[in-house]
Amino acid sequence: MGSWPMDLDPIFTLPNGVIVDYLHVLPPSVLKEGTIMVEFHLKGFKGGEQISVNPQLRTTIGCDELPAPCDPSDTFDKRLAEMINAVGSVIYAFEQHL
């Protein structure tokens, strides 16, 4: 059990001439020491300049492991994987028609 990111929408305060030219929010996982949540690149950053980031992060309680099977024939892990796959397919279909 631990903190699970729900929403992450970082806001950067950057010096003049510096822009975020790449920002990728990684898939959520239970937060642990050293967890990387966002990858980004700054264009025009020369080093030594002051930068601040507000992660605008909301969390909830989460679990990073599946429950133990209740029976040797339990297929919960496979059913869950297929549900995630199906939702991903629906989201992809909607994105293609926007």
PDB file of N, CA and C in Angstrom:
ATOM      1  N   MET A   1       0.842  -1.182   0.000  1.00  0.00           N
ATOM      2  CA  MET A   1       0.000   0.000   0.000  1.00  0.00           C
ATOM      3  C   MET A   1       0.883   1.240   0.000  1.00  0.00           C
ATOM      4  N   GLY A   2       0.374   2.271  -0.584  1.00  0.00           N
ATOM      5  CA  GLY A   2       1.125   3.520  -0.617  1.00  0.00           C
ATOM      6  C   GLY A   2       0.340   4.589  -1.348  1.00  0.00           C
ATOM      7  N   SER A   3       1.006   5.689  -1.627  1.00  0.00           N
ATOM      8  CA  SER A   3       0.390   6.800  -2.361  1.00  0.00           C
ATOM      9  C   SER A   3       0.434   6.500  -3.859  1.00  0.00           C
ATOM     10  N   TRP A   4      -0.699   6.672  -4.511  1.00  0.00           N
ATOM     11  CA  TRP A   4      -0.827   6.424  -5.950  1.00  0.00           C
ATOM     12  C   TRP A   4      -1.199   7.744  -6.627  1.00  0.00           C
ATOM     13  N   PRO A   5      -0.410   8.221  -7.599  1.00  0.00           N
ATOM     14  CA  PRO A   5      -0.722   9.476  -8.277  1.00  0.00           C
ATOM     15  C   PRO A   5      -2.030   9.388  -9.054  1.00  0.00           C
ATOM     16  N   MET A   6      -2.910  10.355  -8.843  1.00  0.00           N
ATOM     17  CA  MET A   6      -4.155  10.426  -9.604  1.00  0.00           C
ATOM     18  C   MET A   6      -4.016  11.424 -10.750  1.00  0.00           C
ATOM     19  N   ASP A   7      -3.560  12.619 -10.405  1.00  0.00           N
ATOM     20  CA  ASP A   7      -3.397  13.692 -11.385  1.00  0.00           C
ATOM     21  C   ASP A   7      -2.027  14.307 -11.201  1.00  0.00           C
ATOM     22  N   LEU A   8      -1.364  14.560 -12.305  1.00  0.00           N
ATOM     23  CA  LEU A   8      -0.054  15.198 -12.291  1.00  0.00           C
ATOM     24  C   LEU A   8       0.003  16.118 -13.492  1.00  0.00           C
ATOM     25  N   ASP A   9       0.085  17.419 -13.243  1.00  0.00           N
ATOM     26  CA  ASP A   9       0.090  18.419 -14.313  1.00  0.00           C
ATOM     27  C   ASP A   9       1.063  19.526 -13.919  1.00  0.00           C
ATOM     28  N   PRO A  10       2.377  19.283 -14.083  1.00  0.00           N
ATOM     29  CA  PRO A  10       3.375  20.237 -13.591  1.00  0.00           C
ATOM     30  C   PRO A  10       3.302  21.602 -14.277  1.00  0.00           C
ATOM     31  N   ILE A  11       3.514  22.630 -13.457  1.00  0.00           N
ATOM     32  CA  ILE A  11       3.607  24.004 -13.951  1.00  0.00           C
ATOM     33  C   ILE A  11       5.021  24.498 -13.655  1.00  0.00           C
ATOM     34  N   PHE A  12       5.718  24.942 -14.691  1.00  0.00           N
ATOM     35  CA  PHE A  12       7.096  25.406 -14.577  1.00  0.00           C
ATOM     36  C   PHE A  12       7.146  26.930 -14.520  1.00  0.00           C
ATOM     37  N   THR A  13       8.013  27.459 -13.669  1.00  0.00           N
ATOM     38  CA  THR A  13       8.344  28.882 -13.669  1.00  0.00           C
ATOM     39  C   THR A  13       9.788  28.961 -14.164  1.00  0.00           C
ATOM     40  N   LEU A  14       9.944  29.504 -15.375  1.00  0.00           N
ATOM     41  CA  LEU A  14      11.232  29.452 -16.059  1.00  0.00           C
ATOM     42  C   LEU A  14      11.778  30.846 -16.344  1.00  0.00           C
ATOM     43  N   PRO A  15      13.090  30.973 -16.437  1.00  0.00           N
ATOM     44  CA  PRO A  15      13.687  32.256 -16.820  1.00  0.00           C
ATOM     45  C   PRO A  15      13.320  32.603 -18.269  1.00  0.00           C
ATOM     46  N   ASN A  16      13.447  33.866 -18.620  1.00  0.00           N
ATOM     47  CA  ASN A  16      13.177  34.297 -19.995  1.00  0.00           C
ATOM     48  C   ASN A  16      14.059  33.517 -20.965  1.00  0.00           C
ATOM     49  N   GLY A  17      13.467  33.095 -22.066  1.00  0.00           N
ATOM     50  CA  GLY A  17      14.205  32.382 -23.100  1.00  0.00           C
ATOM     51  C   GLY A  17      14.295  30.881 -22.888  1.00  0.00           C
ATOM     52  N   VAL A  18      13.784  30.378 -21.766  1.00  0.00           N
ATOM     53  CA  VAL A  18      13.815  28.941 -21.490  1.00  0.00           C
ATOM     54  C   VAL A  18      12.406  28.389 -21.675  1.00  0.00           C
ATOM     55  N   ILE A  19      12.299  27.285 -22.400  1.00  0.00           N
ATOM     56  CA  ILE A  19      10.997  26.654 -22.614  1.00  0.00           C
ATOM     57  C   ILE A  19      11.105  25.148 -22.342  1.00  0.00           C
ATOM     58  N   VAL A  20       9.968  24.559 -22.001  1.00  0.00           N
ATOM     59  CA  VAL A  20       9.889  23.101 -21.867  1.00  0.00           C
ATOM     60  C   VAL A  20       9.558  22.584 -23.261  1.00  0.00           C
ATOM     61  N   ASP A  21      10.537  21.936 -23.914  1.00  0.00           N
ATOM     62  CA  ASP A  21      10.279  21.458 -25.276  1.00  0.00           C
ATOM     63  C   ASP A  21       9.940  19.965 -25.318  1.00  0.00           C
ATOM     64  N   TYR A  22       9.983  19.305 -24.159  1.00  0.00           N
ATOM     65  CA  TYR A  22       9.591  17.898 -24.077  1.00  0.00           C
ATOM     66  C   TYR A  22       9.075  17.646 -22.670  1.00  0.00           C
ATOM     67  N   LEU A  23       7.890  17.057 -22.568  1.00  0.00           N
ATOM     68  CA  LEU A  23       7.313  16.715 -21.268  1.00  0.00           C
ATOM     69  C   LEU A  23       6.554  15.406 -21.433  1.00  0.00           C
ATOM     70  N   HIS A  24       6.930  14.413 -20.627  1.00  0.00           N
ATOM     71  CA  HIS A  24       6.281  13.108 -20.681  1.00  0.00           C
ATOM     72  C   HIS A  24       5.963  12.670 -19.263  1.00  0.00           C
ATOM     73  N   VAL A  25       4.667  12.537 -18.965  1.00  0.00           N
ATOM     74  CA  VAL A  25       4.233  12.039 -17.658  1.00  0.00           C
ATOM     75  C   VAL A  25       4.198  10.523 -17.753  1.00  0.00           C
ATOM     76  N   LEU A  26       4.962   9.859 -16.887  1.00  0.00           N
ATOM     77  CA  LEU A  26       5.071   8.403 -16.914  1.00  0.00           C
ATOM     78  C   LEU A  26       3.834   7.750 -16.313  1.00  0.00           C
ATOM     79  N   PRO A  27       3.566   6.500 -16.672  1.00  0.00           N
ATOM     80  CA  PRO A  27       2.404   5.804 -16.095  1.00  0.00           C
ATOM     81  C   PRO A  27       2.502   5.774 -14.569  1.00  0.00           C
ATOM     82  N   PRO A  28       1.361   5.885 -13.891  1.00  0.00           N
ATOM     83  CA  PRO A  28       1.401   5.921 -12.425  1.00  0.00           C
ATOM     84  C   PRO A  28       1.829   4.601 -11.811  1.00  0.00           C
ATOM     85  N   SER A  29       2.431   4.714 -10.641  1.00  0.00           N
ATOM     86  CA  SER A  29       2.791   3.548  -9.835  1.00  0.00           C
ATOM     87  C   SER A  29       2.870   4.023  -8.391  1.00  0.00           C
ATOM     88  N   VAL A  30       2.867   3.090  -7.455  1.00  0.00           N
ATOM     89  CA  VAL A  30       2.963   3.473  -6.050  1.00  0.00           C
ATOM     90  C   VAL A  30       4.256   4.263  -5.846  1.00  0.00           C
ATOM     91  N   LEU A  31       4.141   5.412  -5.178  1.00  0.00           N
ATOM     92  CA  LEU A  31       5.302   6.276  -4.989  1.00  0.00           C
ATOM     93  C   LEU A  31       6.255   5.687  -3.960  1.00  0.00           C
ATOM     94  N   LYS A  32       7.520   5.617  -4.348  1.00  0.00           N
ATOM     95  CA  LYS A  32       8.591   5.155  -3.476  1.00  0.00           C
ATOM     96  C   LYS A  32       9.736   6.141  -3.599  1.00  0.00           C
ATOM     97  N   GLU A  33      10.707   6.046  -2.732  1.00  0.00           N
ATOM     98  CA  GLU A  33      11.865   6.924  -2.827  1.00  0.00           C
ATOM     99  C   GLU A  33      12.528   6.731  -4.184  1.00  0.00           C
ATOM    100  N   GLY A  34      12.740   7.815  -4.887  1.00  0.00           N
ATOM    101  CA  GLY A  34      13.383   7.755  -6.196  1.00  0.00           C
ATOM    102  C   GLY A  34      12.445   7.523  -7.364  1.00  0.00           C
ATOM    103  N   THR A  35      11.122   7.460  -7.119  1.00  0.00           N
ATOM    104  CA  THR A  35      10.166   7.247  -8.206  1.00  0.00           C
ATOM    105  C   THR A  35      10.238   8.414  -9.185  1.00  0.00           C
ATOM    106  N   ILE A  36      10.387   8.107 -10.453  1.00  0.00           N
ATOM    107  CA  ILE A  36      10.385   9.132 -11.504  1.00  0.00           C
ATOM    108  C   ILE A  36       8.971   9.213 -12.049  1.00  0.00           C
ATOM    109  N   MET A  37       8.386  10.404 -11.993  1.00  0.00           N
ATOM    110  CA  MET A  37       7.009  10.578 -12.449  1.00  0.00           C
ATOM    111  C   MET A  37       6.923  11.345 -13.757  1.00  0.00           C
ATOM    112  N   VAL A  38       7.928  12.188 -14.040  1.00  0.00           N
ATOM    113  CA  VAL A  38       7.893  13.029 -15.229  1.00  0.00           C
ATOM    114  C   VAL A  38       9.297  13.099 -15.832  1.00  0.00           C
ATOM    115  N   GLU A  39       9.344  13.061 -17.148  1.00  0.00           N
ATOM    116  CA  GLU A  39      10.587  13.324 -17.870  1.00  0.00           C
ATOM    117  C   GLU A  39      10.365  14.596 -18.668  1.00  0.00           C
ATOM    118  N   PHE A  40      11.356  15.496 -18.651  1.00  0.00           N
ATOM    119  CA  PHE A  40      11.213  16.729 -19.418  1.00  0.00           C
ATOM    120  C   PHE A  40      12.583  17.215 -19.870  1.00  0.00           C
ATOM    121  N   HIS A  41      12.555  18.100 -20.866  1.00  0.00           N
ATOM    122  CA  HIS A  41      13.774  18.723 -21.360  1.00  0.00           C
ATOM    123  C   HIS A  41      13.518  20.220 -21.489  1.00  0.00           C
ATOM    124  N   LEU A  42      14.510  20.994 -21.091  1.00  0.00           N
ATOM    125  CA  LEU A  42      14.407  22.443 -21.180  1.00  0.00           C
ATOM    126  C   LEU A  42      15.269  22.951 -22.325  1.00  0.00           C
ATOM    127  N   LYS A  43      14.693  23.742 -23.198  1.00  0.00           N
ATOM    128  CA  LYS A  43      15.434  24.350 -24.299  1.00  0.00           C
ATOM    129  C   LYS A  43      15.848  25.760 -23.880  1.00  0.00           C
ATOM    130  N   GLY A  44      17.118  26.075 -24.075  1.00  0.00           N
ATOM    131  CA  GLY A  44      17.623  27.404 -23.735  1.00  0.00           C
ATOM    132  C   GLY A  44      18.141  27.519 -22.311  1.00  0.00           C
ATOM    133  N   PHE A  45      18.169  26.436 -21.565  1.00  0.00           N
ATOM    134  CA  PHE A  45      18.665  26.457 -20.180  1.00  0.00           C
ATOM    135  C   PHE A  45      20.180  26.411 -20.197  1.00  0.00           C
ATOM    136  N   LYS A  46      20.810  27.372 -19.507  1.00  0.00           N
ATOM    137  CA  LYS A  46      22.260  27.484 -19.526  1.00  0.00           C
ATOM    138  C   LYS A  46      22.902  27.007 -18.227  1.00  0.00           C
ATOM    139  N   GLY A  47      22.121  26.647 -17.249  1.00  0.00           N
ATOM    140  CA  GLY A  47      22.669  26.215 -15.961  1.00  0.00           C
ATOM    141  C   GLY A  47      22.846  27.407 -15.026  1.00  0.00           C
ATOM    142  N   GLY A  48      22.672  27.169 -13.754  1.00  0.00           N
ATOM    143  CA  GLY A  48      22.813  28.233 -12.766  1.00  0.00           C
ATOM    144  C   GLY A  48      21.594  29.129 -12.655  1.00  0.00           C
ATOM    145  N   GLU A  49      20.618  28.954 -13.526  1.00  0.00           N
ATOM    146  CA  GLU A  49      19.411  29.774 -13.481  1.00  0.00           C
ATOM    147  C   GLU A  49      18.399  29.138 -12.536  1.00  0.00           C
ATOM    148  N   GLN A  50      17.556  29.966 -11.945  1.00  0.00           N
ATOM    149  CA  GLN A  50      16.556  29.497 -10.990  1.00  0.00           C
ATOM    150  C   GLN A  50      15.324  28.988 -11.723  1.00  0.00           C
ATOM    151  N   ILE A  51      14.922  27.760 -11.389  1.00  0.00           N
ATOM    152  CA  ILE A  51      13.729  27.147 -11.969  1.00  0.00           C
ATOM    153  C   ILE A  51      12.901  26.585 -10.823  1.00  0.00           C
ATOM    154  N   SER A  52      11.590  26.764 -10.903  1.00  0.00           N
ATOM    155  CA  SER A  52      10.728  26.120  -9.908  1.00  0.00           C
ATOM    156  C   SER A  52       9.619  25.370 -10.642  1.00  0.00           C
ATOM    157  N   VAL A  53       9.180  24.267 -10.020  1.00  0.00           N
ATOM    158  CA  VAL A  53       8.136  23.441 -10.608  1.00  0.00           C
ATOM    159  C   VAL A  53       7.114  23.115  -9.539  1.00  0.00           C
ATOM    160  N   ASN A  54       5.850  23.391  -9.845  1.00  0.00           N
ATOM    161  CA  ASN A  54       4.746  22.964  -8.993  1.00  0.00           C
ATOM    162  C   ASN A  54       4.177  21.714  -9.652  1.00  0.00           C
ATOM    163  N   PRO A  55       4.319  20.532  -9.033  1.00  0.00           N
ATOM    164  CA  PRO A  55       3.867  19.308  -9.701  1.00  0.00           C
ATOM    165  C   PRO A  55       2.355  19.184  -9.833  1.00  0.00           C
ATOM    166  N   GLN A  56       1.599  19.967  -9.063  1.00  0.00           N
ATOM    167  CA  GLN A  56       0.139  19.842  -9.059  1.00  0.00           C
ATOM    168  C   GLN A  56      -0.258  18.365  -9.024  1.00  0.00           C
ATOM    169  N   LEU A  57       0.185  17.699  -7.976  1.00  0.00           N
ATOM    170  CA  LEU A  57       0.006  16.259  -7.829  1.00  0.00           C
ATOM    171  C   LEU A  57      -1.073  15.963  -6.805  1.00  0.00           C
ATOM    172  N   ARG A  58      -2.058  15.156  -7.214  1.00  0.00           N
ATOM    173  CA  ARG A  58      -3.060  14.622  -6.287  1.00  0.00           C
ATOM    174  C   ARG A  58      -2.823  13.126  -6.187  1.00  0.00           C
ATOM    175  N   THR A  59      -2.938  12.594  -4.978  1.00  0.00           N
ATOM    176  CA  THR A  59      -2.714  11.165  -4.779  1.00  0.00           C
ATOM    177  C   THR A  59      -3.918  10.510  -4.112  1.00  0.00           C
ATOM    178  N   THR A  60      -3.938   9.210  -4.202  1.00  0.00           N
ATOM    179  CA  THR A  60      -4.909   8.392  -3.497  1.00  0.00           C
ATOM    180  C   THR A  60      -4.148   7.192  -2.948  1.00  0.00           C
ATOM    181  N   ILE A  61      -4.832   6.302  -2.295  1.00  0.00           N
ATOM    182  CA  ILE A  61      -4.194   5.100  -1.773  1.00  0.00           C
ATOM    183  C   ILE A  61      -4.152   4.056  -2.882  1.00  0.00           C
ATOM    184  N   GLY A  62      -3.023   3.366  -3.016  1.00  0.00           N
ATOM    185  CA  GLY A  62      -2.895   2.358  -4.055  1.00  0.00           C
ATOM    186  C   GLY A  62      -2.083   1.171  -3.588  1.00  0.00           C
ATOM    187  N   CYS A  63      -2.157   0.114  -4.367  1.00  0.00           N
ATOM    188  CA  CYS A  63      -1.427  -1.119  -4.074  1.00  0.00           C
ATOM    189  C   CYS A  63      -0.656  -1.494  -5.327  1.00  0.00           C
ATOM    190  N   ASP A  64       0.615  -1.843  -5.178  1.00  0.00           N
ATOM    191  CA  ASP A  64       1.426  -2.138  -6.359  1.00  0.00           C
ATOM    192  C   ASP A  64       1.598  -3.624  -6.631  1.00  0.00           C
ATOM    193  N   GLU A  65       0.763  -4.443  -6.023  1.00  0.00           N
ATOM    194  CA  GLU A  65       0.830  -5.871  -6.319  1.00  0.00           C
ATOM    195  C   GLU A  65      -0.574  -6.468  -6.330  1.00  0.00           C
ATOM    196  N   LEU A  66      -0.726  -7.496  -7.126  1.00  0.00           N
ATOM    197  CA  LEU A  66      -2.028  -8.160  -7.230  1.00  0.00           C
ATOM    198  C   LEU A  66      -2.293  -8.984  -5.980  1.00  0.00           C
ATOM    199  N   PRO A  67      -3.542  -9.145  -5.613  1.00  0.00           N
ATOM    200  CA  PRO A  67      -3.843 -10.025  -4.486  1.00  0.00           C
ATOM    201  C   PRO A  67      -3.500 -11.478  -4.838  1.00  0.00           C
ATOM    202  N   ALA A  68      -3.223 -12.268  -3.822  1.00  0.00           N
ATOM    203  CA  ALA A  68      -2.924 -13.688  -4.040  1.00  0.00           C
ATOM    204  C   ALA A  68      -4.154 -14.391  -4.599  1.00  0.00           C
ATOM    205  N   PRO A  69      -3.962 -15.388  -5.465  1.00  0.00           N
ATOM    206  CA  PRO A  69      -5.112 -16.124  -6.003  1.00  0.00           C
ATOM    207  C   PRO A  69      -5.913 -16.774  -4.874  1.00  0.00           C
ATOM    208  N   CYS A  70      -7.222 -16.726  -5.000  1.00  0.00           N
ATOM    209  CA  CYS A  70      -8.068 -17.337  -3.977  1.00  0.00           C
ATOM    210  C   CYS A  70      -8.219 -18.840  -4.218  1.00  0.00           C
ATOM    211  N   ASP A  71      -7.795 -19.277  -5.408  1.00  0.00           N
ATOM    212  CA  ASP A  71      -7.922 -20.680  -5.776  1.00  0.00           C
ATOM    213  C   ASP A  71      -6.900 -20.938  -6.895  1.00  0.00           C
ATOM    214  N   PRO A  72      -6.371 -22.153  -7.045  1.00  0.00           N
ATOM    215  CA  PRO A  72      -5.405 -22.413  -8.122  1.00  0.00           C
ATOM    216  C   PRO A  72      -5.934 -22.103  -9.522  1.00  0.00           C
ATOM    217  N   SER A  73      -7.244 -22.141  -9.698  1.00  0.00           N
ATOM    218  CA  SER A  73      -7.814 -21.861 -11.019  1.00  0.00           C
ATOM    219  C   SER A  73      -8.189 -20.384 -11.202  1.00  0.00           C
ATOM    220  N   ASP A  74      -7.883 -19.549 -10.214  1.00  0.00           N
ATOM    221  CA  ASP A  74      -8.241 -18.124 -10.280  1.00  0.00           C
ATOM    222  C   ASP A  74      -7.482 -17.447 -11.429  1.00  0.00           C
ATOM    223  N   THR A  75      -8.190 -16.697 -12.250  1.00  0.00           N
ATOM    224  CA  THR A  75      -7.575 -16.016 -13.398  1.00  0.00           C
ATOM    225  C   THR A  75      -7.660 -14.498 -13.257  1.00  0.00           C
ATOM    226  N   PHE A  76      -7.721 -13.995 -12.024  1.00  0.00           N
ATOM    227  CA  PHE A  76      -7.885 -12.561 -11.809  1.00  0.00           C
ATOM    228  C   PHE A  76      -6.819 -11.750 -12.542  1.00  0.00           C
ATOM    229  N   ASP A  77      -5.551 -12.179 -12.483  1.00  0.00           N
ATOM    230  CA  ASP A  77      -4.483 -11.416 -13.128  1.00  0.00           C
ATOM    231  C   ASP A  77      -4.700 -11.311 -14.635  1.00  0.00           C
ATOM    232  N   LYS A  78      -5.164 -12.388 -15.255  1.00  0.00           N
ATOM    233  CA  LYS A  78      -5.409 -12.357 -16.698  1.00  0.00           C
ATOM    234  C   LYS A  78      -6.639 -11.519 -17.028  1.00  0.00           C
ATOM    235  N   ARG A  79      -7.688 -11.640 -16.218  1.00  0.00           N
ATOM    236  CA  ARG A  79      -8.897 -10.832 -16.439  1.00  0.00           C
ATOM    237  C   ARG A  79      -8.586  -9.351 -16.279  1.00  0.00           C
ATOM    238  N   LEU A  80      -7.800  -9.014 -15.259  1.00  0.00           N
ATOM    239  CA  LEU A  80      -7.435  -7.616 -15.038  1.00  0.00           C
ATOM    240  C   LEU A  80      -6.607  -7.081 -16.196  1.00  0.00           C
ATOM    241  N   ALA A  81      -5.651  -7.866 -16.680  1.00  0.00           N
ATOM    242  CA  ALA A  81      -4.840  -7.445 -17.819  1.00  0.00           C
ATOM    243  C   ALA A  81      -5.721  -7.201 -19.047  1.00  0.00           C
ATOM    244  N   GLU A  82      -6.703  -8.051 -19.281  1.00  0.00           N
ATOM    245  CA  GLU A  82      -7.598  -7.879 -20.427  1.00  0.00           C
ATOM    246  C   GLU A  82      -8.500  -6.660 -20.266  1.00  0.00           C
ATOM    247  N   MET A  83      -8.935  -6.377 -19.032  1.00  0.00           N
ATOM    248  CA  MET A  83      -9.740  -5.171 -18.793  1.00  0.00           C
ATOM    249  C   MET A  83      -8.918  -3.920 -19.109  1.00  0.00           C
ATOM    250  N   ILE A  84      -7.673  -3.898 -18.650  1.00  0.00           N
ATOM    251  CA  ILE A  84      -6.789  -2.754 -18.916  1.00  0.00           C
ATOM    252  C   ILE A  84      -6.559  -2.628 -20.414  1.00  0.00           C
ATOM    253  N   ASN A  85      -6.345  -3.739 -21.084  1.00  0.00           N
ATOM    254  CA  ASN A  85      -6.149  -3.753 -22.528  1.00  0.00           C
ATOM    255  C   ASN A  85      -7.379  -3.212 -23.252  1.00  0.00           C
ATOM    256  N   ALA A  86      -8.564  -3.629 -22.825  1.00  0.00           N
ATOM    257  CA  ALA A  86      -9.809  -3.178 -23.451  1.00  0.00           C
ATOM    258  C   ALA A  86     -10.010  -1.673 -23.270  1.00  0.00           C
ATOM    259  N   VAL A  87      -9.761  -1.185 -22.074  1.00  0.00           N
ATOM    260  CA  VAL A  87      -9.909   0.259 -21.825  1.00  0.00           C
ATOM    261  C   VAL A  87      -8.922   1.034 -22.689  1.00  0.00           C
ATOM    262  N   GLY A  88      -7.690   0.552 -22.781  1.00  0.00           N
ATOM    263  CA  GLY A  88      -6.695   1.202 -23.635  1.00  0.00           C
ATOM    264  C   GLY A  88      -7.141   1.251 -25.083  1.00  0.00           C
ATOM    265  N   SER A  89      -7.765   0.182 -25.559  1.00  0.00           N
ATOM    266  CA  SER A  89      -8.250   0.137 -26.941  1.00  0.00           C
ATOM    267  C   SER A  89      -9.371   1.144 -27.168  1.00  0.00           C
ATOM    268  N   VAL A  90     -10.283   1.272 -26.211  1.00  0.00           N
ATOM    269  CA  VAL A  90     -11.382   2.230 -26.329  1.00  0.00           C
ATOM    270  C   VAL A  90     -10.832   3.661 -26.343  1.00  0.00           C
ATOM    271  N   ILE A  91      -9.896   3.950 -25.452  1.00  0.00           N
ATOM    272  CA  ILE A  91      -9.292   5.293 -25.412  1.00  0.00           C
ATOM    273  C   ILE A  91      -8.598   5.591 -26.736  1.00  0.00           C
ATOM    274  N   TYR A  92      -7.845   4.628 -27.248  1.00  0.00           N
ATOM    275  CA  TYR A  92      -7.163   4.803 -28.530  1.00  0.00           C
ATOM    276  C   TYR A  92      -8.174   5.102 -29.642  1.00  0.00           C
ATOM    277  N   ALA A  93      -9.280   4.365 -29.673  1.00  0.00           N
ATOM    278  CA  ALA A  93     -10.302   4.579 -30.711  1.00  0.00           C
ATOM    279  C   ALA A  93     -10.884   5.987 -30.614  1.00  0.00           C
ATOM    280  N   PHE A  94     -11.170   6.455 -29.395  1.00  0.00           N
ATOM    281  CA  PHE A  94     -11.690   7.814 -29.224  1.00  0.00           C
ATOM    282  C   PHE A  94     -10.663   8.849 -29.696  1.00  0.00           C
ATOM    283  N   GLU A  95      -9.410   8.655 -29.349  1.00  0.00           N
ATOM    284  CA  GLU A  95      -8.361   9.613 -29.743  1.00  0.00           C
ATOM    285  C   GLU A  95      -8.210   9.691 -31.253  1.00  0.00           C
ATOM    286  N   GLN A  96      -8.427   8.590 -31.959  1.00  0.00           N
ATOM    287  CA  GLN A  96      -8.303   8.586 -33.413  1.00  0.00           C
ATOM    288  C   GLN A  96      -9.429   9.357 -34.100  1.00  0.00           C
ATOM    289  N   HIS A  97     -10.536   9.570 -33.382  1.00  0.00           N
ATOM    290  CA  HIS A  97     -11.700  10.233 -33.984  1.00  0.00           C
ATOM    291  C   HIS A  97     -11.916  11.644 -33.452  1.00  0.00           C
ATOM    292  N   LEU A  98     -10.910  12.211 -32.781  1.00  0.00           N
ATOM    293  CA  LEU A  98     -11.054  13.589 -32.279  1.00  0.00           C
ATOM    294  C   LEU A  98     -10.671  14.587 -33.323  1.00  0.00           C
TER     295      LEU A  98
END
